[in-house]
């Protein structure tokens, strides 16, 4: 298991109501925020490797955009790291940017 000092592997999953133009704007904004911290692995799921401070900032930014009456946000901290916590079936879209990018 690869450990990174002071970093947490997390999964961010969200469901934003898109029935209104405002909801569609929130959806775009949530995705944009998540892209600043990690990578999309499914339509509304991102995997991120963040410091504790970045985790707090990410949560703050997302909660600031979301409508708690309409939307849902889940942040999962993978205490054992991504490699030990995630089981993938089918195509894995994750790219490990800590390893050499050789295709």
C-alpha atoms as a PDB file:
ATOM      1  CA  UNK A   1       0.000   0.000   0.000  1.00  0.00           C
ATOM      2  CA  UNK A   2       1.362   3.375  -1.033  1.00  0.00           C
ATOM      3  CA  UNK A   3       0.973   6.003   1.719  1.00  0.00           C
ATOM      4  CA  UNK A   4       1.241   9.707   1.228  1.00  0.00           C
ATOM      5  CA  UNK A   5       2.033  11.737   4.310  1.00  0.00           C
ATOM      6  CA  UNK A   6      -0.758  14.084   5.342  1.00  0.00           C
ATOM      7  CA  UNK A   7      -3.033  13.154   2.410  1.00  0.00           C
ATOM      8  CA  UNK A   8      -6.414  11.480   2.365  1.00  0.00           C
ATOM      9  CA  UNK A   9      -7.830   9.509  -0.533  1.00  0.00           C
ATOM     10  CA  UNK A  10     -11.508  10.430  -0.728  1.00  0.00           C
ATOM     11  CA  UNK A  11     -14.518   9.756  -2.908  1.00  0.00           C
ATOM     12  CA  UNK A  12     -16.933  12.596  -3.615  1.00  0.00           C
ATOM     13  CA  UNK A  13     -20.392  11.576  -4.834  1.00  0.00           C
ATOM     14  CA  UNK A  14     -23.179  14.031  -5.520  1.00  0.00           C
ATOM     15  CA  UNK A  15     -26.715  14.247  -6.817  1.00  0.00           C
ATOM     16  CA  UNK A  16     -27.832  17.710  -7.875  1.00  0.00           C
ATOM     17  CA  UNK A  17     -31.402  18.415  -8.945  1.00  0.00           C
ATOM     18  CA  UNK A  18     -31.338  19.614 -12.565  1.00  0.00           C
ATOM     19  CA  UNK A  19     -35.033  20.365 -13.042  1.00  0.00           C
ATOM     20  CA  UNK A  20     -34.393  24.128 -13.121  1.00  0.00           C
ATOM     21  CA  UNK A  21     -31.767  26.332 -14.796  1.00  0.00           C
ATOM     22  CA  UNK A  22     -30.417  27.125 -11.316  1.00  0.00           C
ATOM     23  CA  UNK A  23     -30.014  23.401 -10.610  1.00  0.00           C
ATOM     24  CA  UNK A  24     -28.147  22.853 -13.867  1.00  0.00           C
ATOM     25  CA  UNK A  25     -25.844  25.769 -12.934  1.00  0.00           C
ATOM     26  CA  UNK A  26     -25.198  24.192  -9.519  1.00  0.00           C
ATOM     27  CA  UNK A  27     -24.405  20.855 -11.182  1.00  0.00           C
ATOM     28  CA  UNK A  28     -21.806  22.483 -13.446  1.00  0.00           C
ATOM     29  CA  UNK A  29     -20.316  24.383 -10.506  1.00  0.00           C
ATOM     30  CA  UNK A  30     -20.062  21.257  -8.311  1.00  0.00           C
ATOM     31  CA  UNK A  31     -18.275  19.366 -11.101  1.00  0.00           C
ATOM     32  CA  UNK A  32     -15.923  22.309 -11.667  1.00  0.00           C
ATOM     33  CA  UNK A  33     -15.019  22.453  -7.967  1.00  0.00           C
ATOM     34  CA  UNK A  34     -14.414  18.696  -7.833  1.00  0.00           C
ATOM     35  CA  UNK A  35     -12.136  18.842 -10.901  1.00  0.00           C
ATOM     36  CA  UNK A  36      -9.925  21.278  -8.963  1.00  0.00           C
ATOM     37  CA  UNK A  37      -9.267  18.583  -6.356  1.00  0.00           C
ATOM     38  CA  UNK A  38      -9.329  15.264  -8.193  1.00  0.00           C
ATOM     39  CA  UNK A  39     -10.546  13.334 -11.189  1.00  0.00           C
ATOM     40  CA  UNK A  40     -13.929  12.193 -12.402  1.00  0.00           C
ATOM     41  CA  UNK A  41     -14.322   8.400 -12.320  1.00  0.00           C
ATOM     42  CA  UNK A  42     -18.082   8.330 -13.043  1.00  0.00           C
ATOM     43  CA  UNK A  43     -20.614  10.991 -14.010  1.00  0.00           C
ATOM     44  CA  UNK A  44     -21.174  12.295 -10.468  1.00  0.00           C
ATOM     45  CA  UNK A  45     -18.256  10.647  -8.677  1.00  0.00           C
ATOM     46  CA  UNK A  46     -14.732  11.996  -8.188  1.00  0.00           C
ATOM     47  CA  UNK A  47     -11.686  10.472  -6.527  1.00  0.00           C
ATOM     48  CA  UNK A  48      -9.330  12.920  -4.867  1.00  0.00           C
ATOM     49  CA  UNK A  49      -6.109  12.853  -2.877  1.00  0.00           C
ATOM     50  CA  UNK A  50      -6.177  15.863  -0.560  1.00  0.00           C
ATOM     51  CA  UNK A  51      -4.524  17.258   2.533  1.00  0.00           C
ATOM     52  CA  UNK A  52      -6.709  17.730   5.618  1.00  0.00           C
ATOM     53  CA  UNK A  53      -6.886  21.473   4.851  1.00  0.00           C
ATOM     54  CA  UNK A  54      -7.901  20.798   1.230  1.00  0.00           C
ATOM     55  CA  UNK A  55     -10.587  18.384   2.429  1.00  0.00           C
ATOM     56  CA  UNK A  56     -12.099  21.097   4.624  1.00  0.00           C
ATOM     57  CA  UNK A  57     -11.865  23.649   1.789  1.00  0.00           C
ATOM     58  CA  UNK A  58     -13.456  21.247  -0.717  1.00  0.00           C
ATOM     59  CA  UNK A  59     -16.316  20.499   1.658  1.00  0.00           C
ATOM     60  CA  UNK A  60     -16.834  24.217   2.316  1.00  0.00           C
ATOM     61  CA  UNK A  61     -16.878  25.097  -1.404  1.00  0.00           C
ATOM     62  CA  UNK A  62     -19.311  22.308  -2.273  1.00  0.00           C
ATOM     63  CA  UNK A  63     -21.688  23.068   0.591  1.00  0.00           C
ATOM     64  CA  UNK A  64     -21.622  26.740  -0.380  1.00  0.00           C
ATOM     65  CA  UNK A  65     -22.872  25.903  -3.901  1.00  0.00           C
ATOM     66  CA  UNK A  66     -25.339  23.125  -3.126  1.00  0.00           C
ATOM     67  CA  UNK A  67     -28.977  23.528  -2.136  1.00  0.00           C
ATOM     68  CA  UNK A  68     -29.478  21.329   0.961  1.00  0.00           C
ATOM     69  CA  UNK A  69     -33.198  21.063   0.215  1.00  0.00           C
ATOM     70  CA  UNK A  70     -32.653  19.740  -3.326  1.00  0.00           C
ATOM     71  CA  UNK A  71     -29.164  18.228  -3.581  1.00  0.00           C
ATOM     72  CA  UNK A  72     -27.117  15.502  -1.911  1.00  0.00           C
ATOM     73  CA  UNK A  73     -23.371  15.314  -1.265  1.00  0.00           C
ATOM     74  CA  UNK A  74     -21.322  12.416   0.134  1.00  0.00           C
ATOM     75  CA  UNK A  75     -17.620  12.477   0.981  1.00  0.00           C
ATOM     76  CA  UNK A  76     -16.025   9.119   1.783  1.00  0.00           C
ATOM     77  CA  UNK A  77     -12.577   9.084   3.377  1.00  0.00           C
ATOM     78  CA  UNK A  78     -10.687   5.946   2.316  1.00  0.00           C
ATOM     79  CA  UNK A  79      -8.601   5.423   5.450  1.00  0.00           C
ATOM     80  CA  UNK A  80      -6.696   2.488   3.946  1.00  0.00           C
ATOM     81  CA  UNK A  81      -6.034   4.362   0.698  1.00  0.00           C
ATOM     82  CA  UNK A  82      -7.556   3.882  -2.725  1.00  0.00           C
ATOM     83  CA  UNK A  83      -5.660   0.700  -3.552  1.00  0.00           C
ATOM     84  CA  UNK A  84      -6.983  -1.123  -0.464  1.00  0.00           C
ATOM     85  CA  UNK A  85     -10.468   0.396  -0.372  1.00  0.00           C
ATOM     86  CA  UNK A  86     -11.775   0.409  -3.935  1.00  0.00           C
ATOM     87  CA  UNK A  87     -12.906  -2.641  -5.868  1.00  0.00           C
ATOM     88  CA  UNK A  88     -13.417  -1.912  -9.545  1.00  0.00           C
ATOM     89  CA  UNK A  89     -15.403  -3.984 -12.008  1.00  0.00           C
ATOM     90  CA  UNK A  90     -15.339  -2.923 -15.636  1.00  0.00           C
ATOM     91  CA  UNK A  91     -13.428  -0.004 -17.099  1.00  0.00           C
ATOM     92  CA  UNK A  92     -11.325   1.944 -14.601  1.00  0.00           C
ATOM     93  CA  UNK A  93     -11.011   5.589 -15.666  1.00  0.00           C
ATOM     94  CA  UNK A  94      -8.682   6.498 -12.786  1.00  0.00           C
ATOM     95  CA  UNK A  95      -5.169   7.721 -13.653  1.00  0.00           C
ATOM     96  CA  UNK A  96      -2.519   7.598 -10.909  1.00  0.00           C
ATOM     97  CA  UNK A  97      -0.689  10.866 -11.391  1.00  0.00           C
ATOM     98  CA  UNK A  98       1.902   9.872  -8.765  1.00  0.00           C
ATOM     99  CA  UNK A  99       3.216   7.136 -11.095  1.00  0.00           C
ATOM    100  CA  UNK A 100       4.981   7.654 -14.460  1.00  0.00           C
ATOM    101  CA  UNK A 101       2.445   8.318 -17.225  1.00  0.00           C
ATOM    102  CA  UNK A 102       3.474   5.623 -19.690  1.00  0.00           C
ATOM    103  CA  UNK A 103       0.788   4.270 -22.005  1.00  0.00           C
END
